[in-house]
Amino acid sequence: MDNKLLGVIIIGFGLLVLFSEQEYSWVISAIAVGIGSGFLIRKNEKNDIDNK
């Protein structure tokens, strides 16, 4: 699974949690969006042996 796809999925989860009716859902949402954006920003590590 690509890092960008994983980041988008985690950000989507964070947005869904934001609109839930739980009291501290904004905390979980902020953590999920932060982790998801970290996956989007992070560069892919390229290994010359595997990626020819």
PDB file of N, CA and C in Angstrom:
ATOM      1  N   MET A   1       0.851  -1.174   0.000  1.00  0.00           N
ATOM      2  CA  MET A   1       0.000   0.000   0.000  1.00  0.00           C
ATOM      3  C   MET A   1       0.899   1.242   0.000  1.00  0.00           C
ATOM      4  N   ASP A   2       0.595   2.151  -0.864  1.00  0.00           N
ATOM      5  CA  ASP A   2       1.376   3.375  -0.994  1.00  0.00           C
ATOM      6  C   ASP A   2       1.131   4.297   0.202  1.00  0.00           C
ATOM      7  N   ASN A   3       2.147   5.073   0.568  1.00  0.00           N
ATOM      8  CA  ASN A   3       2.027   5.986   1.700  1.00  0.00           C
ATOM      9  C   ASN A   3       0.950   7.046   1.476  1.00  0.00           C
ATOM     10  N   LYS A   4       0.823   7.524   0.234  1.00  0.00           N
ATOM     11  CA  LYS A   4      -0.183   8.557  -0.031  1.00  0.00           C
ATOM     12  C   LYS A   4      -1.602   8.019   0.128  1.00  0.00           C
ATOM     13  N   LEU A   5      -1.821   6.800  -0.335  1.00  0.00           N
ATOM     14  CA  LEU A   5      -3.143   6.199  -0.181  1.00  0.00           C
ATOM     15  C   LEU A   5      -3.461   5.977   1.292  1.00  0.00           C
ATOM     16  N   LEU A   6      -2.495   5.485   2.031  1.00  0.00           N
ATOM     17  CA  LEU A   6      -2.690   5.284   3.467  1.00  0.00           C
ATOM     18  C   LEU A   6      -2.971   6.613   4.172  1.00  0.00           C
ATOM     19  N   GLY A   7      -2.270   7.668   3.789  1.00  0.00           N
ATOM     20  CA  GLY A   7      -2.497   8.989   4.365  1.00  0.00           C
ATOM     21  C   GLY A   7      -3.895   9.508   4.093  1.00  0.00           C
ATOM     22  N   VAL A   8      -4.372   9.314   2.873  1.00  0.00           N
ATOM     23  CA  VAL A   8      -5.724   9.773   2.517  1.00  0.00           C
ATOM     24  C   VAL A   8      -6.776   8.994   3.302  1.00  0.00           C
ATOM     25  N   ILE A   9      -6.554   7.694   3.472  1.00  0.00           N
ATOM     26  CA  ILE A   9      -7.502   6.877   4.239  1.00  0.00           C
ATOM     27  C   ILE A   9      -7.548   7.335   5.691  1.00  0.00           C
ATOM     28  N   ILE A  10      -6.397   7.606   6.282  1.00  0.00           N
ATOM     29  CA  ILE A  10      -6.358   8.037   7.687  1.00  0.00           C
ATOM     30  C   ILE A  10      -6.985   9.420   7.842  1.00  0.00           C
ATOM     31  N   ILE A  11      -6.732  10.320   6.908  1.00  0.00           N
ATOM     32  CA  ILE A  11      -7.357  11.656   6.961  1.00  0.00           C
ATOM     33  C   ILE A  11      -8.871  11.539   6.818  1.00  0.00           C
ATOM     34  N   GLY A  12      -9.335  10.673   5.930  1.00  0.00           N
ATOM     35  CA  GLY A  12     -10.778  10.449   5.780  1.00  0.00           C
ATOM     36  C   GLY A  12     -11.404   9.923   7.058  1.00  0.00           C
ATOM     37  N   PHE A  13     -10.702   8.997   7.710  1.00  0.00           N
ATOM     38  CA  PHE A  13     -11.179   8.494   8.997  1.00  0.00           C
ATOM     39  C   PHE A  13     -11.255   9.634  10.023  1.00  0.00           C
ATOM     40  N   GLY A  14     -10.237  10.489  10.054  1.00  0.00           N
ATOM     41  CA  GLY A  14     -10.242  11.615  10.985  1.00  0.00           C
ATOM     42  C   GLY A  14     -11.395  12.573  10.740  1.00  0.00           C
ATOM     43  N   LEU A  15     -11.724  12.791   9.478  1.00  0.00           N
ATOM     44  CA  LEU A  15     -12.854  13.667   9.164  1.00  0.00           C
ATOM     45  C   LEU A  15     -14.183  13.050   9.558  1.00  0.00           C
ATOM     46  N   LEU A  16     -14.306  11.741   9.379  1.00  0.00           N
ATOM     47  CA  LEU A  16     -15.538  11.069   9.810  1.00  0.00           C
ATOM     48  C   LEU A  16     -15.698  11.121  11.325  1.00  0.00           C
ATOM     49  N   VAL A  17     -14.609  10.934  12.048  1.00  0.00           N
ATOM     50  CA  VAL A  17     -14.663  10.971  13.513  1.00  0.00           C
ATOM     51  C   VAL A  17     -15.024  12.367  13.999  1.00  0.00           C
ATOM     52  N   LEU A  18     -14.576  13.385  13.271  1.00  0.00           N
ATOM     53  CA  LEU A  18     -14.849  14.763  13.676  1.00  0.00           C
ATOM     54  C   LEU A  18     -16.352  15.044  13.765  1.00  0.00           C
ATOM     55  N   PHE A  19     -17.133  14.430  12.888  1.00  0.00           N
ATOM     56  CA  PHE A  19     -18.567  14.690  12.861  1.00  0.00           C
ATOM     57  C   PHE A  19     -19.384  13.730  13.727  1.00  0.00           C
ATOM     58  N   SER A  20     -18.708  12.907  14.520  1.00  0.00           N
ATOM     59  CA  SER A  20     -19.453  12.020  15.417  1.00  0.00           C
ATOM     60  C   SER A  20     -19.914  12.800  16.642  1.00  0.00           C
ATOM     61  N   GLU A  21     -20.789  12.224  17.408  1.00  0.00           N
ATOM     62  CA  GLU A  21     -21.414  12.904  18.535  1.00  0.00           C
ATOM     63  C   GLU A  21     -20.688  12.695  19.865  1.00  0.00           C
ATOM     64  N   GLN A  22     -19.532  12.049  19.852  1.00  0.00           N
ATOM     65  CA  GLN A  22     -18.797  11.793  21.092  1.00  0.00           C
ATOM     66  C   GLN A  22     -18.162  13.079  21.617  1.00  0.00           C
ATOM     67  N   GLU A  23     -17.889  13.104  22.917  1.00  0.00           N
ATOM     68  CA  GLU A  23     -17.423  14.322  23.557  1.00  0.00           C
ATOM     69  C   GLU A  23     -16.009  14.714  23.111  1.00  0.00           C
ATOM     70  N   TYR A  24     -15.102  13.768  23.061  1.00  0.00           N
ATOM     71  CA  TYR A  24     -13.716  14.085  22.725  1.00  0.00           C
ATOM     72  C   TYR A  24     -13.330  13.565  21.343  1.00  0.00           C
ATOM     73  N   SER A  25     -14.275  13.579  20.421  1.00  0.00           N
ATOM     74  CA  SER A  25     -13.978  13.083  19.077  1.00  0.00           C
ATOM     75  C   SER A  25     -13.006  14.000  18.345  1.00  0.00           C
ATOM     76  N   TRP A  26     -12.964  15.276  18.719  1.00  0.00           N
ATOM     77  CA  TRP A  26     -12.056  16.201  18.050  1.00  0.00           C
ATOM     78  C   TRP A  26     -10.599  15.854  18.332  1.00  0.00           C
ATOM     79  N   VAL A  27     -10.313  15.230  19.480  1.00  0.00           N
ATOM     80  CA  VAL A  27      -8.942  14.853  19.808  1.00  0.00           C
ATOM     81  C   VAL A  27      -8.492  13.716  18.892  1.00  0.00           C
ATOM     82  N   ILE A  28      -9.323  12.700  18.755  1.00  0.00           N
ATOM     83  CA  ILE A  28      -9.009  11.576  17.878  1.00  0.00           C
ATOM     84  C   ILE A  28      -8.901  12.055  16.433  1.00  0.00           C
ATOM     85  N   SER A  29      -9.782  12.969  16.043  1.00  0.00           N
ATOM     86  CA  SER A  29      -9.754  13.499  14.693  1.00  0.00           C
ATOM     87  C   SER A  29      -8.456  14.260  14.423  1.00  0.00           C
ATOM     88  N   ALA A  30      -8.024  15.070  15.371  1.00  0.00           N
ATOM     89  CA  ALA A  30      -6.787  15.838  15.196  1.00  0.00           C
ATOM     90  C   ALA A  30      -5.577  14.912  15.094  1.00  0.00           C
ATOM     91  N   ILE A  31      -5.563  13.865  15.901  1.00  0.00           N
ATOM     92  CA  ILE A  31      -4.455  12.909  15.849  1.00  0.00           C
ATOM     93  C   ILE A  31      -4.448  12.183  14.504  1.00  0.00           C
ATOM     94  N   ALA A  32      -5.615  11.753  14.047  1.00  0.00           N
ATOM     95  CA  ALA A  32      -5.703  11.020  12.781  1.00  0.00           C
ATOM     96  C   ALA A  32      -5.316  11.901  11.597  1.00  0.00           C
ATOM     97  N   VAL A  33      -5.769  13.142  11.589  1.00  0.00           N
ATOM     98  CA  VAL A  33      -5.425  14.041  10.487  1.00  0.00           C
ATOM     99  C   VAL A  33      -3.934  14.366  10.518  1.00  0.00           C
ATOM    100  N   GLY A  34      -3.365  14.515  11.699  1.00  0.00           N
ATOM    101  CA  GLY A  34      -1.928  14.772  11.807  1.00  0.00           C
ATOM    102  C   GLY A  34      -1.096  13.601  11.310  1.00  0.00           C
ATOM    103  N   ILE A  35      -1.460  12.403  11.704  1.00  0.00           N
ATOM    104  CA  ILE A  35      -0.725  11.219  11.242  1.00  0.00           C
ATOM    105  C   ILE A  35      -0.912  11.025   9.739  1.00  0.00           C
ATOM    106  N   GLY A  36      -2.127  11.220   9.261  1.00  0.00           N
ATOM    107  CA  GLY A  36      -2.394  11.070   7.826  1.00  0.00           C
ATOM    108  C   GLY A  36      -1.645  12.082   6.984  1.00  0.00           C
ATOM    109  N   SER A  37      -1.564  13.323   7.441  1.00  0.00           N
ATOM    110  CA  SER A  37      -0.812  14.318   6.683  1.00  0.00           C
ATOM    111  C   SER A  37       0.682  14.037   6.749  1.00  0.00           C
ATOM    112  N   GLY A  38       1.136  13.430   7.830  1.00  0.00           N
ATOM    113  CA  GLY A  38       2.532  13.016   7.907  1.00  0.00           C
ATOM    114  C   GLY A  38       2.856  11.964   6.861  1.00  0.00           C
ATOM    115  N   PHE A  39       1.930  11.037   6.629  1.00  0.00           N
ATOM    116  CA  PHE A  39       2.135  10.031   5.586  1.00  0.00           C
ATOM    117  C   PHE A  39       2.122  10.670   4.204  1.00  0.00           C
ATOM    118  N   LEU A  40       1.300  11.705   4.001  1.00  0.00           N
ATOM    119  CA  LEU A  40       1.256  12.364   2.696  1.00  0.00           C
ATOM    120  C   LEU A  40       2.535  13.147   2.419  1.00  0.00           C
ATOM    121  N   ILE A  41       3.080  13.786   3.429  1.00  0.00           N
ATOM    122  CA  ILE A  41       4.253  14.637   3.252  1.00  0.00           C
ATOM    123  C   ILE A  41       5.534  13.819   3.150  1.00  0.00           C
ATOM    124  N   ARG A  42       5.587  12.701   3.863  1.00  0.00           N
ATOM    125  CA  ARG A  42       6.801  11.887   3.917  1.00  0.00           C
ATOM    126  C   ARG A  42       7.161  11.336   2.545  1.00  0.00           C
ATOM    127  N   LYS A  43       8.443  11.420   2.213  1.00  0.00           N
ATOM    128  CA  LYS A  43       8.914  10.907   0.936  1.00  0.00           C
ATOM    129  C   LYS A  43       9.042   9.395   1.010  1.00  0.00           C
ATOM    130  N   ASN A  44       8.855   8.753  -0.126  1.00  0.00           N
ATOM    131  CA  ASN A  44       9.044   7.309  -0.204  1.00  0.00           C
ATOM    132  C   ASN A  44      10.528   7.002  -0.160  1.00  0.00           C
ATOM    133  N   GLU A  45      10.892   6.025   0.645  1.00  0.00           N
ATOM    134  CA  GLU A  45      12.284   5.603   0.693  1.00  0.00           C
ATOM    135  C   GLU A  45      12.540   4.691  -0.495  1.00  0.00           C
ATOM    136  N   LYS A  46      13.505   5.071  -1.308  1.00  0.00           N
ATOM    137  CA  LYS A  46      13.798   4.281  -2.494  1.00  0.00           C
ATOM    138  C   LYS A  46      15.049   3.461  -2.252  1.00  0.00           C
ATOM    139  N   ASN A  47      14.926   2.196  -2.548  1.00  0.00           N
ATOM    140  CA  ASN A  47      16.038   1.272  -2.439  1.00  0.00           C
ATOM    141  C   ASN A  47      16.424   0.878  -3.851  1.00  0.00           C
ATOM    142  N   ASP A  48      17.682   1.135  -4.228  1.00  0.00           N
ATOM    143  CA  ASP A  48      18.113   0.875  -5.596  1.00  0.00           C
ATOM    144  C   ASP A  48      18.024  -0.603  -5.955  1.00  0.00           C
ATOM    145  N   ILE A  49      18.140  -1.477  -4.996  1.00  0.00           N
ATOM    146  CA  ILE A  49      18.091  -2.914  -5.282  1.00  0.00           C
ATOM    147  C   ILE A  49      16.670  -3.330  -5.648  1.00  0.00           C
ATOM    148  N   ASP A  50      15.679  -2.822  -4.919  1.00  0.00           N
ATOM    149  CA  ASP A  50      14.296  -3.228  -5.153  1.00  0.00           C
ATOM    150  C   ASP A  50      13.667  -2.494  -6.335  1.00  0.00           C
ATOM    151  N   ASN A  51      13.993  -1.223  -6.513  1.00  0.00           N
ATOM    152  CA  ASN A  51      13.347  -0.403  -7.557  1.00  0.00           C
ATOM    153  C   ASN A  51      14.316  -0.216  -8.714  1.00  0.00           C
ATOM    154  N   LYS A  52      14.274  -1.130  -9.690  1.00  0.00           N
ATOM    155  CA  LYS A  52      15.155  -0.993 -10.857  1.00  0.00           C
ATOM    156  C   LYS A  52      14.402  -0.455 -12.023  1.00  0.00           C
TER     157      LYS A  52
END
